[in-house]
Amino acid sequence: MVGVLGLAAVAGSTAWLAWRPTEVSVVRASRGDAAQIVYASGSVEPRTWAKVAPVVRDRIVEQCDCEGSRVARGDVLARLDDSQVRATLGELEARRALAQEEYRRLSVLAGRNVTSQQALDRARAELLQIEALIAGQKARLETYVLRAPAPGVVLRQDGEVGEVAELGTVLVWVGEPKPLLVIAEVNEEDIPRVQVGQRALLRADAFPGQDLEAVVDSITPKGDSVTKTYRVRLRLPDDTPLKIGMSTDVNIVTRVSKNALLIPSVAIEANEVFVVEDGTARRRVIRTGIRGTNGVEVLAGIDEDALVISPFPDLADGARVTVASRQDRS
C-alpha cells in the first residue's frame, strides 16, 4: 500500500511538472526609426597629401627639422649620401676638359689640312658622349635630394641621419591637415547600396561614446579583386576631433524607415516569432524589412500590442507559458 501511494505521488509530481507553464521574457514592439547600415572599417587621411620616398638606396646625411611646419614646393626635406656620384662626376668633368682641348687642337690642325676630317669627327663625338654622361650624372645627383612635391605641412618624418634609406620607404609625408577624409574598404556585396551623399556614423577608440559623422564623398570605380572590396572616401567636417592616421568604425546609413514597428533581432528566427496570448505561446510568421542596429522592422504579421517572446524560445506552438519579465522598448 505504501508503495502504491509512493508511485501515485511520483506520477502526480511528474504530471505537475509536465503541465507547469514555462517562464519566458517578453518585449512589446515599439515605434522608431529603422536604419539600414553598411559597416566598414577605415582610417583618417588628408584629402591632399603626398608621400616622399627615395628612388635610390643610400645613407641619410641630412634632414630638415620641419615636422609640423609648412614648406613650399621644392624645399629640401632630406639629402642622401651622394659622394660616389660626385666623385664620378668629377672624373667625367676632367675627361671633358681633355676632350675639349683635343677637339680644339684637331680643329686647328684640320684648318691647316694637317689632320683628317675623320679624326676631328671622332674627337667631337667623344666630347659629346662625355657631355651626355655628365648631364646624366647631374640628373642622378638630384635623385639624392628629397624635395617637397607641393606646398603643405610636413605631417610626419621618418628615418634618422646615418640610417640607410631603402628604396620606396616613405621618409616624409607632406599635405594639408584640413580637410580630412575617412578611407574605408566596403565589401563588394554591400557596395551597390552605397551612394555619394549618404550619411555615415563613426566610432573611434580615441573618442569613446562620442557621436562622429561623415558624408560619402566618392567611391572608387574599380574594386580590389583580391580583397573583394571597394574604396569609399567619406568627407569629415572641419571641426572633427579625429586626427590623421586614426582608425574608425564606419556605419553608412543607406536607408531609413521612419516610425517603423521594431522588435529585437534575437526574438526572430527564420521570419517567425512567438507571442504570448492567453497564457500560451503562439508562433507567428512575420514579414520583415530593415534589420538595423535598433532592431528589426516588422512589416506584417503582428501589431503593436503583441507581447513578443525574446529571445526566441525552444517551445511548441500552443505551449503554456508565464511571463517572468517584461520589457517595454523605448
Protein backbone atom coordinates (compact mmCIF):
# COMPACT_ATOMS: atom_id res chain seq x y z
CA MET A 1 0.00 0.00 0.00
CA VAL A 2 2.84 2.33 0.85
CA GLY A 3 4.46 1.51 -2.48
CA VAL A 4 1.28 2.30 -4.35
CA LEU A 5 0.97 5.66 -2.63
CA GLY A 6 4.57 6.46 -3.46
CA LEU A 7 4.07 5.70 -7.11
CA ALA A 8 0.96 7.85 -7.16
CA ALA A 9 2.86 10.76 -5.63
CA VAL A 10 5.64 10.46 -8.19
CA ALA A 11 3.12 10.32 -11.02
CA GLY A 12 1.35 13.38 -9.68
CA SER A 13 4.62 15.29 -9.39
CA THR A 14 5.63 14.34 -12.93
CA ALA A 15 2.26 15.44 -14.27
CA TRP A 16 2.53 18.75 -12.45
CA LEU A 17 6.00 19.37 -13.89
CA ALA A 18 4.77 18.47 -17.37
CA TRP A 19 1.89 20.92 -17.13
CA ARG A 20 3.79 23.67 -15.34
CA PRO A 21 3.96 26.81 -17.54
CA THR A 22 7.37 27.73 -18.95
CA GLU A 23 8.72 31.07 -17.76
CA VAL A 24 9.51 33.47 -20.61
CA SER A 25 10.56 37.09 -21.01
CA VAL A 26 8.61 39.27 -23.38
CA VAL A 27 9.02 42.60 -25.08
CA ARG A 28 6.39 44.81 -26.62
CA ALA A 29 7.04 46.06 -30.16
CA SER A 30 7.77 49.77 -30.40
CA ARG A 31 7.81 52.55 -32.96
CA GLY A 32 11.06 54.14 -34.07
CA ASP A 33 13.39 54.80 -36.97
CA ALA A 34 14.90 51.72 -38.62
CA ALA A 35 18.21 52.36 -40.35
CA GLN A 36 19.83 50.05 -42.88
CA ILE A 37 23.57 50.13 -42.27
CA VAL A 38 26.63 49.16 -44.29
CA TYR A 39 29.58 48.53 -41.98
CA ALA A 40 33.23 49.07 -42.85
CA SER A 41 36.49 49.95 -41.13
CA GLY A 42 38.56 52.93 -42.18
CA SER A 43 41.36 55.34 -41.34
CA VAL A 44 41.67 59.12 -41.41
CA GLU A 45 43.73 60.74 -44.18
CA PRO A 46 44.10 64.26 -45.57
CA ARG A 47 42.36 64.97 -48.85
CA THR A 48 45.60 66.41 -50.24
CA TRP A 49 48.91 64.81 -49.39
CA ALA A 50 51.96 63.11 -50.85
CA LYS A 51 54.45 60.51 -49.67
CA VAL A 52 58.10 61.34 -50.31
CA ALA A 53 60.31 58.28 -50.76
CA PRO A 54 63.85 57.86 -52.17
CA VAL A 55 64.38 56.30 -55.59
CA VAL A 56 67.97 55.32 -54.70
CA ARG A 57 69.32 53.36 -51.74
CA ASP A 58 71.87 55.24 -49.68
CA ARG A 59 72.63 56.72 -46.30
CA ILE A 60 70.71 59.74 -44.97
CA VAL A 61 73.13 62.61 -44.37
CA GLU A 62 70.71 65.50 -43.81
CA GLN A 63 67.10 66.03 -42.73
CA CYS A 64 65.13 69.21 -42.28
CA ASP A 65 63.82 70.00 -38.79
CA CYS A 66 60.41 70.77 -40.23
CA GLU A 67 57.88 68.23 -38.92
CA GLY A 68 54.66 70.18 -38.36
CA SER A 69 55.96 73.16 -40.34
CA ARG A 70 54.76 74.49 -43.66
CA VAL A 71 57.05 74.07 -46.66
CA ALA A 72 56.97 75.35 -50.22
CA ARG A 73 57.20 73.23 -53.34
CA GLY A 74 60.82 72.30 -53.99
CA ASP A 75 62.05 72.84 -50.42
CA VAL A 76 64.73 70.33 -49.39
CA LEU A 77 63.39 67.76 -46.93
CA ALA A 78 66.34 65.36 -46.82
CA ARG A 79 69.60 64.51 -48.56
CA LEU A 80 71.25 61.15 -49.16
CA ASP A 81 74.98 60.46 -49.40
CA ASP A 82 75.96 61.40 -52.98
CA SER A 83 79.74 61.31 -52.53
CA GLN A 84 80.28 58.46 -55.02
CA VAL A 85 78.14 60.17 -57.63
CA ARG A 86 80.06 63.42 -57.17
CA ALA A 87 83.36 61.58 -57.48
CA THR A 88 82.25 60.06 -60.75
CA LEU A 89 81.06 63.49 -61.92
CA GLY A 90 84.49 64.97 -61.13
CA GLU A 91 86.21 62.30 -63.22
CA LEU A 92 83.86 62.98 -66.15
CA GLU A 93 84.46 66.72 -65.96
CA ALA A 94 88.24 66.11 -66.05
CA ARG A 95 87.78 63.88 -69.11
CA ARG A 96 85.66 66.58 -70.72
CA ALA A 97 88.40 69.18 -70.24
CA LEU A 98 90.90 66.89 -72.01
CA ALA A 99 88.39 66.11 -74.77
CA GLN A 100 87.68 69.80 -75.30
CA GLU A 101 91.39 70.53 -75.57
CA GLU A 102 91.87 67.66 -78.03
CA TYR A 103 88.91 68.81 -80.13
CA ARG A 104 90.29 72.40 -80.27
CA ARG A 105 93.77 71.12 -81.24
CA LEU A 106 92.40 68.93 -84.03
CA SER A 107 90.17 71.77 -85.24
CA VAL A 108 93.26 73.95 -85.72
CA LEU A 109 95.12 71.16 -87.49
CA ALA A 110 92.13 70.39 -89.68
CA GLY A 111 92.03 74.05 -90.69
CA ARG A 112 95.63 73.69 -91.88
CA ASN A 113 94.84 70.38 -93.62
CA VAL A 114 97.31 68.67 -91.30
CA THR A 115 94.85 66.15 -89.93
CA SER A 116 91.85 64.38 -91.42
CA GLN A 117 88.20 65.30 -91.00
CA GLN A 118 87.60 61.78 -89.72
CA ALA A 119 89.92 62.35 -86.74
CA LEU A 120 88.14 65.64 -85.99
CA ASP A 121 84.73 63.92 -86.11
CA ARG A 122 85.92 61.23 -83.70
CA ALA A 123 87.12 63.87 -81.23
CA ARG A 124 83.81 65.71 -81.47
CA ALA A 125 81.81 62.50 -80.92
CA GLU A 126 83.86 61.64 -77.85
CA LEU A 127 83.31 65.14 -76.42
CA LEU A 128 79.55 64.90 -76.98
CA GLN A 129 79.47 61.47 -75.33
CA ILE A 130 81.28 62.75 -72.24
CA GLU A 131 78.95 65.77 -72.00
CA ALA A 132 75.95 63.41 -72.17
CA LEU A 133 77.42 61.33 -69.33
CA ILE A 134 77.93 64.49 -67.28
CA ALA A 135 74.32 65.56 -67.85
CA GLY A 136 73.10 62.12 -66.75
CA GLN A 137 75.29 62.19 -63.64
CA LYS A 138 73.98 65.65 -62.68
CA ALA A 139 70.41 64.40 -63.09
CA ARG A 140 71.28 61.42 -60.90
CA LEU A 141 72.62 63.79 -58.24
CA GLU A 142 69.16 65.35 -57.99
CA THR A 143 67.67 61.98 -57.02
CA TYR A 144 69.74 62.12 -53.84
CA VAL A 145 67.80 65.21 -52.75
CA LEU A 146 64.25 64.74 -51.43
CA ARG A 147 62.15 67.83 -52.07
CA ALA A 148 58.60 68.83 -51.19
CA PRO A 149 56.43 67.84 -54.19
CA ALA A 150 53.84 70.50 -53.37
CA PRO A 151 53.23 73.21 -50.79
CA GLY A 152 51.86 71.95 -47.50
CA VAL A 153 52.64 70.92 -43.94
CA VAL A 154 55.19 68.22 -43.11
CA LEU A 155 52.80 65.80 -41.43
CA ARG A 156 55.43 63.26 -40.43
CA GLN A 157 59.11 62.46 -40.79
CA ASP A 158 60.69 59.02 -40.51
CA GLY A 159 64.28 57.86 -40.57
CA GLU A 160 67.35 59.35 -38.89
CA VAL A 161 70.61 60.81 -40.15
CA GLY A 162 73.05 57.93 -40.58
CA GLU A 163 70.41 55.33 -41.41
CA VAL A 164 70.24 53.74 -44.85
CA ALA A 165 67.10 54.79 -46.73
CA GLU A 166 65.66 51.80 -48.55
CA LEU A 167 64.03 52.12 -51.95
CA GLY A 168 60.37 53.01 -51.69
CA THR A 169 60.45 53.58 -47.91
CA VAL A 170 58.47 56.74 -47.15
CA LEU A 171 60.59 59.27 -45.26
CA VAL A 172 58.30 62.30 -45.31
CA TRP A 173 54.54 62.92 -45.60
CA VAL A 174 53.57 66.35 -46.92
CA GLY A 175 49.98 67.57 -47.16
CA GLU A 176 47.22 69.82 -45.90
CA PRO A 177 45.86 68.94 -42.42
CA LYS A 178 42.37 70.00 -43.48
CA PRO A 179 40.03 68.88 -44.96
CA LEU A 180 40.14 65.26 -43.81
CA LEU A 181 38.67 62.08 -45.21
CA VAL A 182 37.97 58.61 -43.85
CA ILE A 183 39.16 55.98 -46.33
CA ALA A 184 37.05 52.83 -45.87
CA GLU A 185 37.04 49.45 -47.59
CA VAL A 186 33.48 48.24 -48.29
CA ASN A 187 32.69 44.64 -49.23
CA GLU A 188 31.61 44.17 -52.83
CA GLU A 189 28.22 42.72 -51.83
CA ASP A 190 27.42 45.94 -49.91
CA ILE A 191 28.76 48.50 -52.39
CA PRO A 192 25.59 48.62 -54.59
CA ARG A 193 23.74 50.21 -51.64
CA VAL A 194 26.36 52.92 -51.05
CA GLN A 195 25.90 56.28 -52.80
CA VAL A 196 27.60 59.67 -52.73
CA GLY A 197 25.97 61.99 -50.20
CA GLN A 198 24.87 59.32 -47.74
CA ARG A 199 25.38 60.00 -44.03
CA ALA A 200 27.78 57.85 -42.04
CA LEU A 201 28.11 57.35 -38.28
CA LEU A 202 31.64 56.82 -36.96
CA ARG A 203 33.12 55.28 -33.84
CA ALA A 204 36.73 55.81 -32.76
CA ASP A 205 38.58 54.34 -29.79
CA ALA A 206 40.15 57.74 -29.17
CA PHE A 207 36.70 59.26 -28.53
CA PRO A 208 34.58 56.58 -26.81
CA GLY A 209 30.88 57.32 -26.62
CA GLN A 210 31.19 60.38 -28.87
CA ASP A 211 28.95 60.64 -31.92
CA LEU A 212 31.01 61.39 -35.02
CA GLU A 213 29.67 61.83 -38.52
CA ALA A 214 30.86 61.95 -42.13
CA VAL A 215 29.35 62.04 -45.61
CA VAL A 216 30.15 59.71 -48.50
CA ASP A 217 32.35 61.82 -50.79
CA SER A 218 33.37 59.40 -53.55
CA ILE A 219 33.52 55.71 -54.46
CA THR A 220 36.39 54.22 -56.43
CA PRO A 221 35.07 52.84 -59.76
CA LYS A 222 37.28 49.73 -59.65
CA GLY A 223 37.31 47.27 -56.79
CA ASP A 224 40.10 45.05 -55.50
CA SER A 225 39.62 41.54 -56.88
CA VAL A 226 41.81 40.04 -54.14
CA THR A 227 40.16 41.57 -51.05
CA LYS A 228 36.78 41.91 -52.82
CA THR A 229 36.36 45.45 -51.54
CA TYR A 230 35.78 48.93 -52.92
CA ARG A 231 37.43 52.06 -51.56
CA VAL A 232 34.95 54.63 -50.25
CA ARG A 233 36.03 58.13 -49.24
CA LEU A 234 33.97 59.87 -46.56
CA ARG A 235 34.22 63.63 -46.01
CA LEU A 236 34.71 64.76 -42.40
CA PRO A 237 33.52 68.17 -41.12
CA ASP A 238 36.21 70.78 -40.47
CA ASP A 239 35.55 70.67 -36.72
CA THR A 240 36.05 66.92 -36.40
CA PRO A 241 38.25 65.87 -33.46
CA LEU A 242 39.65 62.96 -35.47
CA LYS A 243 43.33 63.15 -36.38
CA ILE A 244 45.30 61.86 -39.34
CA GLY A 245 46.05 58.16 -39.01
CA MET A 246 43.27 57.30 -36.55
CA SER A 247 41.21 54.18 -37.20
CA THR A 248 37.41 54.26 -37.19
CA ASP A 249 34.39 52.00 -37.43
CA VAL A 250 32.15 53.27 -40.23
CA ASN A 251 28.38 52.74 -40.41
CA ILE A 252 27.00 54.12 -43.67
CA VAL A 253 23.24 54.77 -43.45
CA THR A 254 21.89 53.54 -46.79
CA ARG A 255 18.15 53.67 -45.98
CA VAL A 256 15.91 54.90 -43.15
CA SER A 257 12.32 53.84 -42.42
CA LYS A 258 10.56 56.38 -40.20
CA ASN A 259 8.12 55.32 -37.45
CA ALA A 260 8.73 51.63 -38.09
CA LEU A 261 7.46 48.81 -35.88
CA LEU A 262 10.56 47.34 -34.23
CA ILE A 263 11.36 44.17 -32.28
CA PRO A 264 14.72 42.76 -31.14
CA SER A 265 16.61 40.66 -33.68
CA VAL A 266 17.10 37.89 -31.08
CA ALA A 267 13.31 37.39 -30.98
CA ILE A 268 13.22 36.31 -34.64
CA GLU A 269 14.18 33.03 -36.22
CA ALA A 270 13.55 32.31 -39.91
CA ASN A 271 10.96 35.15 -40.06
CA GLU A 272 9.00 33.63 -37.19
CA VAL A 273 8.29 34.87 -33.67
CA PHE A 274 6.42 33.64 -30.63
CA VAL A 275 3.81 35.85 -28.96
CA VAL A 276 2.03 35.32 -25.66
CA GLU A 277 -1.76 35.02 -25.95
CA ASP A 278 -3.95 33.92 -23.01
CA GLY A 279 -1.08 32.18 -21.26
CA THR A 280 0.11 30.25 -24.32
CA ALA A 281 2.95 30.73 -26.80
CA ARG A 282 1.72 31.22 -30.34
CA ARG A 283 4.01 31.00 -33.37
CA ARG A 284 3.54 33.82 -35.87
CA VAL A 285 5.08 34.25 -39.34
CA ILE A 286 6.11 37.86 -39.93
CA ARG A 287 7.36 39.90 -42.87
CA THR A 288 10.46 41.92 -42.05
CA GLY A 289 12.06 45.00 -43.54
CA ILE A 290 15.23 46.70 -42.39
CA ARG A 291 17.44 44.79 -39.99
CA GLY A 292 19.17 47.62 -38.19
CA THR A 293 21.14 48.21 -35.01
CA ASN A 294 18.00 49.36 -33.16
CA GLY A 295 16.01 46.25 -34.05
CA VAL A 296 14.21 44.58 -36.93
CA GLU A 297 11.42 46.32 -38.81
CA VAL A 298 8.16 44.33 -38.86
CA LEU A 299 6.05 44.98 -41.94
CA ALA A 300 3.28 42.44 -41.30
CA GLY A 301 2.35 39.56 -39.01
CA ILE A 302 2.00 41.23 -35.58
CA ASP A 303 0.76 44.56 -34.26
CA GLU A 304 1.96 46.99 -31.60
CA ASP A 305 0.03 45.23 -28.82
CA ALA A 306 1.78 41.89 -29.35
CA LEU A 307 3.86 40.52 -26.48
CA VAL A 308 6.84 39.03 -28.28
CA ILE A 309 8.91 36.38 -26.51
CA SER A 310 12.55 37.46 -26.54
CA PRO A 311 14.91 35.74 -27.05
CA PHE A 312 13.33 33.24 -29.46
CA PRO A 313 12.30 30.22 -27.33
CA ASP A 314 12.54 26.47 -27.81
CA LEU A 315 8.80 25.89 -27.46
CA ALA A 316 5.99 24.18 -29.30
CA ASP A 317 3.14 26.21 -30.71
CA GLY A 318 0.48 26.38 -28.01
CA ALA A 319 2.81 25.66 -25.07
CA ARG A 320 1.67 27.06 -21.73
CA VAL A 321 3.85 29.96 -20.58
CA THR A 322 4.04 32.51 -17.82
CA VAL A 323 5.67 35.91 -18.17
CA ALA A 324 8.70 36.15 -15.88
CA SER A 325 9.88 39.55 -17.09
CA ARG A 326 8.64 42.18 -19.45
CA GLN A 327 10.45 44.98 -21.18
CA ASP A 328 8.73 47.82 -23.00
CA ARG A 329 11.03 49.09 -25.74
CA SER A 330 11.53 52.84 -25.67
